Amino acid sequence: MNENIMERTVDSKRVFDGLILHIDHITNELPNGKLAAREIARHVGASAVVPVDASGSVWLVKQFRAPIDRVLLEIPAGKLDSKDEDRLLAAKRELQEETGLTAASWTHLTDIVTTPGFSDERISLYLARELSAGESHPDADEFLNVERVPLKTLVEMIMRGEVADSKTVCAVLMADKIING
């Protein structure tokens, strides 16, 4: 059904190896037979969590994001240690590291591709409930503030455009649909 729009990679070259991203230049043959250059940011992937406590509040983190030079309100998340890492285990690790929380109940919401125009990053989104508090252990280069916001209020903030982080918008709206119908 999509054969008439598929491209075929005929050449690929790694042009940059960074700490988080690797950049490939590829040449694709288009459906009309012509060649097109593409630049792809390769990313190991990530997991993210909407932790909702018994009172119906979502535990969030505020952190500075250098690429956009501002502080964002986000759900806890982090990159995988490797492409092969179990995504649920990564979500559990990130929840505990960033908030100190663990959860007895986990629901996989979906996997999203964040910017498919130039990156292969995929983030697995989870809903975590039946939370227990513990001690957080953020990474050495991670400075964040933990906040609790009632789910209803957070959805209202999203609908007013006050939450800019796409994984947070998507995951919170999906979690709200599951919890509140």
Protein backbone atom coordinates (compact mmCIF):
# COMPACT_ATOMS: atom_id res chain seq x y z
CA MET A 1 0.00 0.00 0.00
CA ASN A 2 2.86 2.44 0.76
CA GLU A 3 5.26 1.11 -1.88
CA ASN A 4 4.67 4.17 -4.06
CA ILE A 5 6.12 6.49 -1.38
CA MET A 6 8.89 4.33 0.12
CA GLU A 7 12.54 5.32 -0.19
CA ARG A 8 15.47 2.90 -0.37
CA THR A 9 18.80 3.68 1.31
CA VAL A 10 21.68 3.21 -1.13
CA ASP A 11 24.51 4.75 0.93
CA SER A 12 25.12 5.68 4.57
CA LYS A 13 28.05 7.39 6.28
CA ARG A 14 28.52 8.26 9.97
CA VAL A 15 29.74 11.87 10.06
CA PHE A 16 29.57 12.57 13.82
CA ASP A 17 29.74 10.51 17.02
CA GLY A 18 28.61 12.51 20.05
CA LEU A 19 27.70 11.83 23.65
CA ILE A 20 23.96 11.58 22.97
CA LEU A 21 23.58 11.80 19.20
CA HIS A 22 25.27 10.23 16.22
CA ILE A 23 24.75 11.86 12.84
CA ASP A 24 24.50 9.85 9.63
CA HIS A 25 24.38 11.21 6.10
CA ILE A 26 22.42 8.84 3.91
CA THR A 27 21.51 8.76 0.25
CA ASN A 28 18.08 7.42 -0.61
CA GLU A 29 16.62 6.41 -3.91
CA LEU A 30 13.21 8.07 -4.25
CA PRO A 31 10.14 6.38 -5.76
CA ASN A 32 10.82 8.23 -9.03
CA GLY A 33 14.39 6.85 -9.19
CA LYS A 34 16.16 10.10 -8.27
CA LEU A 35 18.57 10.31 -5.33
CA ALA A 36 18.10 12.47 -2.24
CA ALA A 37 20.47 13.30 0.63
CA ARG A 38 19.17 12.85 4.17
CA GLU A 39 20.72 13.73 7.53
CA ILE A 40 19.65 11.56 10.45
CA ALA A 41 20.29 12.06 14.16
CA ARG A 42 20.58 8.61 15.72
CA HIS A 43 19.50 8.35 19.37
CA VAL A 44 19.54 5.33 21.69
CA GLY A 45 15.95 6.00 22.81
CA ALA A 46 14.31 6.79 26.13
CA SER A 47 11.55 5.96 28.57
CA ALA A 48 9.24 8.36 30.40
CA VAL A 49 6.73 7.97 33.23
CA VAL A 50 3.50 9.63 34.37
CA PRO A 51 3.57 8.85 38.12
CA VAL A 52 0.09 9.39 39.59
CA ASP A 53 -0.30 9.06 43.35
CA ALA A 54 -3.35 7.99 45.37
CA SER A 55 -4.58 11.59 45.64
CA GLY A 56 -4.58 11.93 41.84
CA SER A 57 -1.50 14.14 41.63
CA VAL A 58 1.23 13.73 39.02
CA TRP A 59 4.86 13.88 40.14
CA LEU A 60 6.85 16.06 37.73
CA VAL A 61 10.34 17.44 37.43
CA LYS A 62 11.42 20.93 36.49
CA GLN A 63 14.81 21.12 34.83
CA PHE A 64 16.85 23.44 32.66
CA ARG A 65 17.04 22.36 29.01
CA ALA A 66 20.11 23.84 27.31
CA PRO A 67 18.93 23.36 23.68
CA ILE A 68 16.01 25.75 24.29
CA ASP A 69 17.64 27.76 27.11
CA ARG A 70 14.76 27.44 29.57
CA VAL A 71 13.34 25.44 32.45
CA LEU A 72 10.62 22.95 31.52
CA LEU A 73 8.02 21.07 33.53
CA GLU A 74 8.24 17.41 32.50
CA ILE A 75 7.38 13.89 33.49
CA PRO A 76 10.39 11.89 34.76
CA ALA A 77 12.34 10.45 31.83
CA GLY A 78 15.75 9.42 30.66
CA LYS A 79 17.67 7.83 27.87
CA LEU A 80 18.27 4.13 27.65
CA ASP A 81 21.69 2.79 28.61
CA SER A 82 21.70 0.84 25.32
CA LYS A 83 19.34 0.12 22.40
CA ASP A 84 18.77 -3.33 23.92
CA GLU A 85 17.80 -2.14 27.40
CA ASP A 86 14.34 -3.16 28.58
CA ARG A 87 12.27 0.01 28.27
CA LEU A 88 10.11 -0.70 31.33
CA LEU A 89 13.20 -1.27 33.48
CA ALA A 90 14.59 2.03 32.20
CA ALA A 91 11.33 3.77 33.14
CA LYS A 92 11.48 2.29 36.64
CA ARG A 93 15.11 3.40 37.01
CA GLU A 94 14.39 6.95 35.87
CA LEU A 95 11.36 7.30 38.15
CA GLN A 96 13.41 6.25 41.17
CA GLU A 97 16.49 8.30 40.24
CA GLU A 98 14.60 11.53 39.59
CA THR A 99 11.82 11.40 42.20
CA GLY A 100 12.71 8.64 44.66
CA LEU A 101 9.43 6.92 43.80
CA THR A 102 8.74 3.29 42.99
CA ALA A 103 5.46 1.97 41.63
CA ALA A 104 3.57 -1.31 42.04
CA SER A 105 1.37 -0.79 38.97
CA TRP A 106 2.69 -0.05 35.46
CA THR A 107 0.79 0.51 32.21
CA HIS A 108 2.52 0.96 28.86
CA LEU A 109 0.79 3.90 27.16
CA THR A 110 2.55 4.00 23.79
CA ASP A 111 5.86 4.61 22.05
CA ILE A 112 6.31 7.95 20.30
CA VAL A 113 8.79 9.16 17.70
CA THR A 114 9.77 12.65 18.73
CA THR A 115 11.05 14.33 15.57
CA PRO A 116 10.89 11.88 12.65
CA GLY A 117 11.90 14.55 10.14
CA PHE A 118 15.52 14.21 11.27
CA SER A 119 15.82 11.83 14.26
CA ASP A 120 15.11 8.18 15.00
CA GLU A 121 14.53 8.81 18.74
CA ARG A 122 11.73 6.69 20.21
CA ILE A 123 10.37 7.25 23.72
CA SER A 124 8.31 4.63 25.54
CA LEU A 125 5.62 6.21 27.73
CA TYR A 126 4.27 4.59 30.89
CA LEU A 127 1.66 5.28 33.55
CA ALA A 128 2.86 4.39 37.07
CA ARG A 129 0.48 4.03 40.03
CA GLU A 130 0.49 2.65 43.57
CA LEU A 131 3.50 4.81 44.36
CA SER A 132 5.89 4.44 47.28
CA ALA A 133 8.31 7.16 48.36
CA GLY A 134 12.04 6.71 48.69
CA GLU A 135 15.23 8.65 48.11
CA SER A 136 16.07 10.13 44.73
CA HIS A 137 19.50 9.77 43.10
CA PRO A 138 19.72 12.13 40.12
CA ASP A 139 22.69 11.83 37.78
CA ALA A 140 25.70 13.98 38.71
CA ASP A 141 24.90 16.48 35.93
CA GLU A 142 21.15 16.53 36.63
CA PHE A 143 19.67 19.34 38.70
CA LEU A 144 15.91 19.25 39.07
CA ASN A 145 13.04 20.22 41.29
CA VAL A 146 10.24 17.74 41.95
CA GLU A 147 6.67 19.07 41.91
CA ARG A 148 3.24 17.52 42.41
CA VAL A 149 0.33 18.80 40.33
CA PRO A 150 -3.23 17.43 40.40
CA LEU A 151 -3.89 15.55 37.15
CA LYS A 152 -6.91 17.71 36.33
CA THR A 153 -4.86 20.89 36.80
CA LEU A 154 -2.02 19.50 34.69
CA VAL A 155 -4.42 18.68 31.84
CA GLU A 156 -5.77 22.24 32.05
CA MET A 157 -2.20 23.59 31.92
CA ILE A 158 -1.52 21.48 28.83
CA MET A 159 -4.69 22.69 27.13
CA ARG A 160 -3.67 26.32 27.84
CA GLY A 161 -0.26 25.68 26.24
CA GLU A 162 1.66 26.03 29.50
CA VAL A 163 3.47 22.69 29.10
CA ALA A 164 5.85 22.69 26.15
CA ASP A 165 7.46 19.24 26.47
CA SER A 166 5.89 16.93 23.88
CA LYS A 167 6.41 13.64 25.73
CA THR A 168 4.73 15.14 28.78
CA VAL A 169 1.77 16.45 26.78
CA CYS A 170 1.21 13.12 25.05
CA ALA A 171 1.70 10.90 28.09
CA VAL A 172 -0.38 13.00 30.49
CA LEU A 173 -3.32 13.24 28.08
CA MET A 174 -3.20 9.47 27.53
CA ALA A 175 -2.95 8.80 31.27
CA ASP A 176 -5.88 11.12 31.93
CA LYS A 177 -7.97 9.23 29.36
CA ILE A 178 -7.18 5.92 31.09
CA ILE A 179 -7.83 7.24 34.60
CA ASN A 180 -10.83 9.48 33.95
CA GLY A 181 -12.30 8.00 30.79
